[in-house]
Amino acid sequence: MTAPFFKSYEAMLDYYYWQPLKDSGFDVKVLQKTKSMSELDEEIDNFLIQKEDAPIITSTTGIRNILFGATLNSQVVLESNAFSLLPKRAWAKSGYRALTAAGQTTGGDVTETGAIPDTKKPTFAEVTVSPHTVARSTNMSEIERLLEGKDDTAKWVDIINFTAAEFKNTLNRNILADADGAATDGTIITPLDRIIASKDELDGTELTTNEADVYGIDRDAGATWTDAQVSHGGSSGTETDRTLTLSMIDDVIAACEPYWDSSKNKVILTGYDTAARINKLERPKEVYTPDAYVEFNVNGIKVRGKEAGIPVATFNGIPIIRSNNVVKDTISRIYILDLDHLSLENLKPITYIETSDPFIQNKFGTEGVFSWIGEIWCDRFAAQGKIRGLA
């Protein structure tokens, strides 16, 4: 567009200033009558008051709709670190035979001409481990799915991706359920908190009858070979939370160590709050050093080099893994795990099945379900430790 040519300043002023005012309905003659700026302002205000514009703005009905987009921005904690760190093994059998007491603990000396000692035998026990099913399903109507890409909708694939992460977190929550209050009828995954329990814990804390039993083995009657190493603050059924000290961790590790095959494949599992507390305790540079790099795989947790692993802190060389789902007293409990004798047995690994068949669902739409069948397997209880009742 070519700029207009003006023969005088007055012509330019009229084009850019006076004519637009006239076009808006303003009487430019009032400017010639005003004697001060205040009078001019008043005339302009009077003109503006007379205007009754009806502009289209963002709140005008039917004008604007917000596009939220298909991306789902989760505000939910969905980590599954406890599930990830446990070694995954294919289900090989539904139990094991345990040696629960040595056949001979003293003697054995024979004189030069002495007779062969009487034979002895260890004590045996059969332990039955039963599988359990965990599932999570979701569905979407056929109409909603057909509208994908036409309207501003969440997509089925994004719903499924979220559900997959949520399902692993569901497994994580089941693994880390509190023994106090968890079902005792054998219908659930046996929580770590119940596997790593003891008769002394049962007597001292709020645990009630059968809440410390494991794989159908009764821990109520008395201390047995199934007892884990548990530090607690309870007495006669009432627990008072204690201030965490490093010696508590040292003592439980020391109690577990005689039952370990080696110092490898061990892990400390706790919550974010307790891990932070450990970091603040005395001697942090000696025992809590952020120099281990680990990775999760089907065999559990492995210490790797910087190039391949995730940096974590350690306590006496044992990696510390955090999970948001660890049971809290005042602060989260601590579990010392021997992964040589603790694993997640999979009768059926995590499986996803989907159908859009209306004759199967008796409705039009798509339904998907994630499922898993298995159980936490522990074949050496005394190698596992727990510290609870912490503040």
Protein backbone atom coordinates (compact mmCIF):
# COMPACT_ATOMS: atom_id res chain seq x y z
CA MET A 1 0.00 0.00 0.00
CA THR A 2 1.42 3.41 -1.06
CA ALA A 3 1.59 6.07 1.68
CA PRO A 4 -0.54 9.16 0.92
CA PHE A 5 1.16 12.37 -0.19
CA PHE A 6 0.29 15.49 1.80
CA LYS A 7 0.72 19.03 0.47
CA SER A 8 0.68 20.50 3.98
CA TYR A 9 1.00 19.68 7.63
CA GLU A 10 -2.68 20.50 8.13
CA ALA A 11 -3.64 17.93 5.47
CA MET A 12 -1.61 15.24 7.21
CA LEU A 13 -3.13 16.16 10.62
CA ASP A 14 -6.61 15.95 9.18
CA TYR A 15 -5.93 12.53 7.61
CA TYR A 16 -4.38 10.88 10.65
CA TYR A 17 -6.15 12.69 13.49
CA TRP A 18 -9.27 14.72 12.73
CA GLN A 19 -10.89 12.41 10.23
CA PRO A 20 -10.65 9.29 12.47
CA LEU A 21 -12.25 11.31 15.27
CA LYS A 22 -15.09 12.39 12.96
CA ASP A 23 -15.54 8.79 11.76
CA SER A 24 -15.92 7.63 15.36
CA GLY A 25 -18.79 10.07 15.88
CA PHE A 26 -16.87 12.57 17.96
CA ASP A 27 -17.70 16.26 17.39
CA VAL A 28 -14.29 17.81 16.78
CA LYS A 29 -15.72 21.32 17.22
CA VAL A 30 -15.77 20.80 20.98
CA LEU A 31 -11.98 20.87 20.90
CA GLN A 32 -12.13 24.42 19.60
CA LYS A 33 -14.50 25.47 22.41
CA THR A 34 -12.50 24.03 25.34
CA LYS A 35 -10.28 26.46 27.20
CA SER A 36 -8.31 23.98 29.36
CA MET A 37 -7.14 20.37 29.48
CA SER A 38 -9.65 19.57 32.23
CA GLU A 39 -12.52 20.69 30.00
CA LEU A 40 -11.10 18.61 27.17
CA ASP A 41 -10.87 15.52 29.38
CA GLU A 42 -14.45 16.02 30.50
CA GLU A 43 -15.71 16.24 26.91
CA ILE A 44 -13.82 13.07 25.96
CA ASP A 45 -15.15 11.23 29.05
CA ASN A 46 -18.69 12.25 28.15
CA PHE A 47 -18.17 10.87 24.67
CA LEU A 48 -16.83 7.54 25.99
CA ILE A 49 -19.75 7.22 28.41
CA GLN A 50 -22.15 7.60 25.50
CA LYS A 51 -20.50 4.68 23.62
CA GLU A 52 -22.16 1.27 24.03
CA ASP A 53 -19.72 -1.08 22.29
CA ALA A 54 -20.31 -4.84 22.46
CA PRO A 55 -16.85 -6.32 21.84
CA ILE A 56 -16.24 -10.04 21.35
CA ILE A 57 -13.89 -11.15 24.13
CA THR A 58 -12.54 -14.47 25.41
CA SER A 59 -15.46 -14.98 27.80
CA THR A 60 -18.12 -14.42 25.13
CA THR A 61 -20.39 -17.45 24.97
CA GLY A 62 -19.61 -19.74 22.06
CA ILE A 63 -16.45 -17.90 21.02
CA ARG A 64 -13.57 -19.69 22.73
CA ASN A 65 -12.87 -23.25 23.88
CA ILE A 66 -9.59 -24.26 25.49
CA LEU A 67 -7.71 -27.09 23.79
CA PHE A 68 -6.26 -29.25 26.57
CA GLY A 69 -4.47 -31.65 24.25
CA ALA A 70 -4.14 -35.40 24.49
CA THR A 71 -1.00 -35.44 26.65
CA LEU A 72 -1.64 -36.70 30.19
CA ASN A 73 0.55 -34.88 32.71
CA SER A 74 0.50 -37.17 35.74
CA GLN A 75 0.60 -35.60 39.20
CA VAL A 76 0.65 -39.03 40.86
CA VAL A 77 3.72 -40.79 42.29
CA LEU A 78 3.98 -44.00 40.27
CA GLU A 79 7.47 -45.27 41.08
CA SER A 80 7.83 -49.01 41.62
CA ASN A 81 11.31 -49.33 43.09
CA ALA A 82 10.54 -52.22 45.45
CA PHE A 83 9.04 -54.20 42.57
CA SER A 84 12.03 -53.32 40.38
CA LEU A 85 14.76 -54.30 42.83
CA LEU A 86 13.44 -57.80 43.58
CA PRO A 87 14.95 -60.48 41.34
CA LYS A 88 12.37 -61.92 38.92
CA ARG A 89 12.31 -65.67 38.47
CA ALA A 90 10.01 -67.98 36.56
CA TRP A 91 7.84 -70.07 38.86
CA ALA A 92 9.63 -73.41 39.23
CA LYS A 93 7.76 -75.03 42.11
CA SER A 94 5.19 -74.26 44.81
CA GLY A 95 7.37 -74.69 47.86
CA TYR A 96 10.68 -75.83 49.26
CA ARG A 97 12.15 -78.10 51.90
CA ALA A 98 13.98 -76.28 54.68
CA LEU A 99 16.63 -77.44 57.13
CA THR A 100 15.48 -75.70 60.29
CA ALA A 101 17.96 -77.00 62.86
CA ALA A 102 21.37 -78.64 62.71
CA GLY A 103 21.68 -82.31 63.51
CA GLN A 104 24.78 -81.77 65.66
CA THR A 105 26.03 -78.57 67.25
CA THR A 106 28.50 -79.95 69.85
CA GLY A 107 30.77 -82.96 70.35
CA GLY A 108 31.98 -85.15 67.54
CA ASP A 109 35.29 -86.04 69.16
CA VAL A 110 36.34 -89.70 68.88
CA THR A 111 39.20 -91.30 70.79
CA GLU A 112 41.85 -93.30 68.99
CA THR A 113 40.02 -96.56 69.57
CA GLY A 114 36.57 -95.12 70.12
CA ALA A 115 33.40 -96.17 68.43
CA ILE A 116 31.75 -94.24 65.67
CA PRO A 117 29.25 -91.79 67.22
CA ASP A 118 25.54 -92.37 66.92
CA THR A 119 24.03 -90.98 63.76
CA LYS A 120 22.13 -87.72 63.93
CA LYS A 121 19.81 -85.87 61.60
CA PRO A 122 18.87 -82.25 61.09
CA THR A 123 15.31 -80.97 61.42
CA PHE A 124 13.30 -80.65 58.24
CA ALA A 125 10.25 -78.58 57.32
CA GLU A 126 8.17 -78.28 54.19
CA VAL A 127 7.15 -74.77 53.15
CA THR A 128 4.29 -74.23 50.72
CA VAL A 129 4.32 -71.03 48.66
CA SER A 130 1.06 -70.24 46.86
CA PRO A 131 0.65 -67.87 43.91
CA HIS A 132 -1.69 -64.87 43.95
CA THR A 133 -3.25 -62.74 41.22
CA VAL A 134 -3.11 -58.95 40.94
CA ALA A 135 -5.01 -57.16 38.16
CA ARG A 136 -5.92 -53.66 36.95
CA SER A 137 -8.39 -53.00 34.14
CA THR A 138 -9.70 -49.97 32.26
CA ASN A 139 -12.15 -49.42 29.42
CA MET A 140 -13.37 -46.76 26.98
CA SER A 141 -16.60 -46.54 25.02
CA GLU A 142 -16.63 -47.08 21.27
CA ILE A 143 -17.95 -43.57 20.62
CA GLU A 144 -15.15 -41.98 22.68
CA ARG A 145 -12.52 -43.97 20.78
CA LEU A 146 -14.01 -43.02 17.40
CA LEU A 147 -13.87 -39.33 18.34
CA GLU A 148 -10.09 -39.49 18.82
CA GLY A 149 -8.45 -37.09 16.37
CA LYS A 150 -11.74 -35.35 15.70
CA ASP A 151 -12.36 -33.71 19.08
CA ASP A 152 -10.05 -32.64 21.89
CA THR A 153 -9.89 -35.98 23.72
CA ALA A 154 -7.48 -38.10 25.73
CA LYS A 155 -6.16 -40.99 23.63
CA TRP A 156 -6.65 -44.66 24.47
CA VAL A 157 -2.95 -45.39 24.06
CA ASP A 158 -2.07 -42.71 26.64
CA ILE A 159 -4.65 -44.11 29.05
CA ILE A 160 -3.08 -47.55 28.65
CA ASN A 161 0.44 -46.22 29.18
CA PHE A 162 -0.66 -44.56 32.41
CA THR A 163 -2.49 -47.72 33.51
CA ALA A 164 0.64 -49.79 32.89
CA ALA A 165 2.69 -47.54 35.16
CA GLU A 166 -0.09 -47.49 37.74
CA PHE A 167 -0.28 -51.30 37.69
CA LYS A 168 3.42 -51.62 38.51
CA ASN A 169 2.88 -49.14 41.32
CA THR A 170 -0.03 -51.29 42.53
CA LEU A 171 2.33 -54.24 42.73
CA ASN A 172 4.80 -52.01 44.55
CA ARG A 173 2.14 -51.03 47.10
CA ASN A 174 1.15 -54.66 47.65
CA ILE A 175 4.76 -55.69 48.16
CA LEU A 176 5.19 -52.87 50.70
CA ALA A 177 1.84 -53.22 52.50
CA ASP A 178 1.83 -52.97 56.30
CA ALA A 179 1.62 -56.40 57.97
CA ASP A 180 -0.61 -54.73 60.53
CA GLY A 181 -4.03 -54.78 58.91
CA ALA A 182 -3.16 -56.71 55.73
CA ALA A 183 -5.38 -59.72 55.02
CA THR A 184 -4.32 -62.92 56.77
CA ASP A 185 -6.46 -65.38 54.81
CA GLY A 186 -3.82 -66.14 52.17
CA THR A 187 -5.57 -64.20 49.39
CA ILE A 188 -2.91 -61.49 48.90
CA ILE A 189 0.75 -61.23 48.05
CA THR A 190 2.65 -61.77 51.28
CA PRO A 191 4.02 -58.26 52.06
CA LEU A 192 7.72 -57.80 52.76
CA ASP A 193 6.68 -56.36 56.12
CA ARG A 194 5.13 -59.74 57.01
CA ILE A 195 7.91 -61.88 55.53
CA ILE A 196 10.44 -59.86 57.54
CA ALA A 197 8.77 -60.28 60.94
CA SER A 198 9.38 -62.15 64.18
CA LYS A 199 7.68 -63.50 67.28
CA ASP A 200 9.34 -60.78 69.37
CA GLU A 201 7.90 -58.12 67.04
CA LEU A 202 4.48 -59.73 67.29
CA ASP A 203 4.58 -59.64 71.10
CA GLY A 204 5.98 -56.13 71.37
CA THR A 205 4.09 -54.16 68.74
CA GLU A 206 0.51 -53.72 67.58
CA LEU A 207 0.59 -56.84 65.39
CA THR A 208 -2.21 -59.22 66.27
CA THR A 209 -2.83 -62.96 65.87
CA ASN A 210 -1.78 -64.32 62.46
CA GLU A 211 -0.45 -60.95 61.22
CA ALA A 212 3.13 -62.23 61.45
CA ASP A 213 2.42 -65.66 59.96
CA VAL A 214 4.16 -66.43 56.68
CA TYR A 215 3.30 -69.05 54.06
CA GLY A 216 0.85 -70.59 56.53
CA ILE A 217 3.59 -71.03 59.16
CA ASP A 218 2.42 -69.98 62.63
CA ARG A 219 4.73 -67.45 64.26
CA ASP A 220 2.30 -66.84 67.13
CA ALA A 221 3.32 -69.91 69.17
CA GLY A 222 6.94 -68.95 69.74
CA ALA A 223 10.27 -67.91 68.23
CA THR A 224 11.19 -70.21 65.36
CA TRP A 225 13.56 -70.57 62.44
CA THR A 226 11.17 -68.34 60.42
CA ASP A 227 11.98 -65.26 62.53
CA ALA A 228 13.71 -62.39 60.74
CA GLN A 229 15.98 -59.84 62.44
CA VAL A 230 13.63 -57.09 63.64
CA SER A 231 14.45 -53.99 65.68
CA HIS A 232 11.35 -52.32 67.13
CA GLY A 233 10.31 -49.96 69.89
CA GLY A 234 7.41 -52.00 71.20
CA SER A 235 6.57 -53.49 74.55
CA SER A 236 3.50 -55.54 75.44
CA GLY A 237 1.66 -54.58 72.30
CA THR A 238 2.43 -50.85 72.30
CA GLU A 239 5.21 -49.35 70.22
CA THR A 240 6.88 -46.03 70.95
CA ASP A 241 8.75 -44.58 68.00
CA ARG A 242 12.46 -44.06 68.59
CA THR A 243 14.94 -41.60 67.15
CA LEU A 244 16.89 -43.34 64.40
CA THR A 245 20.57 -43.97 65.09
CA LEU A 246 23.21 -45.53 62.88
CA SER A 247 23.85 -48.19 65.50
CA MET A 248 20.31 -49.51 64.94
CA ILE A 249 21.18 -50.20 61.31
CA ASP A 250 24.58 -51.62 62.26
CA ASP A 251 23.02 -53.98 64.80
CA VAL A 252 20.43 -55.41 62.42
CA ILE A 253 23.01 -55.87 59.66
CA ALA A 254 25.28 -57.65 62.15
CA ALA A 255 22.42 -59.98 63.10
CA CYS A 256 21.73 -60.78 59.43
CA GLU A 257 25.32 -61.26 58.27
CA PRO A 258 25.89 -64.79 59.67
CA TYR A 259 23.07 -65.98 57.41
CA TRP A 260 24.41 -64.32 54.25
CA ASP A 261 26.22 -66.34 51.63
CA SER A 262 28.27 -63.25 50.72
CA SER A 263 28.20 -59.49 51.05
CA LYS A 264 26.99 -59.08 47.47
CA ASN A 265 23.39 -58.73 46.29
CA LYS A 266 22.24 -56.90 49.41
CA VAL A 267 20.13 -53.75 49.52
CA ILE A 268 18.64 -51.36 52.06
CA LEU A 269 15.08 -50.32 51.20
CA THR A 270 13.48 -47.36 52.94
CA GLY A 271 11.45 -44.21 52.32
CA TYR A 272 12.69 -40.85 51.09
CA ASP A 273 12.32 -39.33 54.56
CA THR A 274 14.38 -41.96 56.37
CA ALA A 275 17.05 -41.95 53.66
CA ALA A 276 17.38 -38.20 54.17
CA ARG A 277 17.62 -38.76 57.94
CA ILE A 278 20.44 -41.27 57.47
CA ASN A 279 22.25 -38.72 55.36
CA LYS A 280 22.09 -36.18 58.18
CA LEU A 281 23.31 -38.48 60.92
CA GLU A 282 26.85 -38.43 62.29
CA ARG A 283 29.58 -40.17 60.34
CA PRO A 284 27.88 -39.47 56.99
CA LYS A 285 31.10 -39.44 54.99
CA GLU A 286 32.16 -42.79 56.41
CA VAL A 287 29.06 -44.87 55.81
CA TYR A 288 26.72 -42.90 53.54
CA THR A 289 28.63 -42.17 50.36
CA PRO A 290 26.96 -41.39 47.03
CA ASP A 291 29.45 -43.44 45.05
CA ALA A 292 27.50 -46.53 44.01
CA TYR A 293 25.84 -46.87 40.63
CA VAL A 294 23.13 -49.48 40.25
CA GLU A 295 20.73 -50.78 37.65
CA PHE A 296 17.52 -52.77 37.93
CA ASN A 297 17.11 -55.91 35.85
CA VAL A 298 15.40 -59.30 36.06
CA ASN A 299 18.04 -60.40 38.56
CA GLY A 300 17.21 -57.53 40.91
CA ILE A 301 19.67 -54.75 41.62
CA LYS A 302 23.26 -54.79 40.42
CA VAL A 303 26.11 -52.38 41.19
CA ARG A 304 27.54 -51.01 37.95
CA GLY A 305 29.97 -48.36 36.78
CA LYS A 306 29.14 -44.68 36.30
CA GLU A 307 28.42 -45.16 32.62
CA ALA A 308 25.72 -47.81 33.14
CA GLY A 309 24.11 -47.23 36.50
CA ILE A 310 21.93 -44.88 38.51
CA PRO A 311 23.79 -43.05 41.33
CA VAL A 312 22.63 -44.05 44.82
CA ALA A 313 23.96 -43.67 48.34
CA THR A 314 25.33 -46.62 50.28
CA PHE A 315 25.57 -47.66 53.91
CA ASN A 316 28.63 -49.78 54.65
CA GLY A 317 28.77 -50.57 50.94
CA ILE A 318 25.10 -51.61 50.72
CA PRO A 319 23.04 -49.59 48.21
CA ILE A 320 20.12 -47.61 49.65
CA ILE A 321 17.00 -47.67 47.49
CA ARG A 322 14.03 -45.41 48.28
CA SER A 323 10.34 -45.96 47.69
CA ASN A 324 7.40 -43.73 48.44
CA ASN A 325 5.31 -46.75 49.47
CA VAL A 326 7.44 -48.00 52.38
CA VAL A 327 5.39 -48.26 55.58
CA LYS A 328 5.71 -45.19 57.81
CA ASP A 329 5.56 -45.01 61.57
CA THR A 330 6.70 -41.46 62.30
CA ILE A 331 9.21 -41.92 59.48
CA SER A 332 9.58 -44.82 57.07
CA ARG A 333 10.76 -48.26 58.14
CA ILE A 334 14.05 -49.73 56.96
CA TYR A 335 14.41 -53.17 55.36
CA ILE A 336 17.74 -54.95 54.93
CA LEU A 337 17.26 -57.42 52.09
CA ASP A 338 19.36 -60.42 51.10
CA LEU A 339 18.41 -60.85 47.46
CA ASP A 340 20.18 -64.22 47.26
CA HIS A 341 17.23 -65.59 49.25
CA LEU A 342 14.44 -63.16 48.36
CA SER A 343 12.80 -62.87 44.96
CA LEU A 344 9.59 -62.30 43.05
CA GLU A 345 8.41 -65.61 41.60
CA ASN A 346 6.36 -65.18 38.41
CA LEU A 347 3.83 -67.84 37.53
CA LYS A 348 2.61 -65.34 34.94
CA PRO A 349 4.66 -62.19 34.25
CA ILE A 350 2.90 -58.86 33.75
CA THR A 351 0.52 -59.45 30.87
CA TYR A 352 -1.77 -57.09 28.96
CA ILE A 353 -4.89 -58.30 27.16
CA GLU A 354 -7.27 -56.06 25.20
CA THR A 355 -10.56 -56.68 23.46
CA SER A 356 -13.10 -54.66 21.49
CA ASP A 357 -15.44 -57.62 20.96
CA PRO A 358 -18.95 -56.56 22.06
CA PHE A 359 -20.01 -60.18 22.53
CA ILE A 360 -17.28 -60.68 25.13
CA GLN A 361 -17.89 -57.40 26.97
CA ASN A 362 -21.64 -57.19 26.39
CA LYS A 363 -21.07 -53.55 25.44
CA PHE A 364 -19.52 -51.48 22.65
CA GLY A 365 -16.05 -50.25 23.50
CA THR A 366 -12.55 -51.39 24.31
CA GLU A 367 -11.41 -52.97 27.56
CA GLY A 368 -7.86 -53.73 28.61
CA VAL A 369 -6.54 -55.55 31.66
CA PHE A 370 -3.08 -55.90 33.15
CA SER A 371 -2.50 -58.95 35.34
CA TRP A 372 0.27 -60.76 37.16
CA ILE A 373 0.38 -64.04 39.08
CA GLY A 374 3.10 -64.89 41.56
CA GLU A 375 4.39 -64.43 45.09
CA ILE A 376 7.34 -63.04 47.00
CA TRP A 377 9.65 -65.97 47.71
CA CYS A 378 11.88 -66.07 50.77
CA ASP A 379 13.83 -69.19 51.66
CA ARG A 380 16.03 -67.73 54.42
CA PHE A 381 14.15 -65.49 56.84
CA ALA A 382 16.99 -64.87 59.28
CA ALA A 383 19.02 -63.24 56.48
CA GLN A 384 16.44 -60.43 56.23
CA GLY A 385 16.17 -57.46 58.59
CA LYS A 386 13.78 -54.68 59.53
CA ILE A 387 13.93 -51.55 61.66
CA ARG A 388 10.56 -50.10 62.61
CA GLY A 389 9.14 -47.68 65.15
CA LEU A 390 11.33 -44.79 63.97
CA ALA A 391 10.98 -41.07 64.52
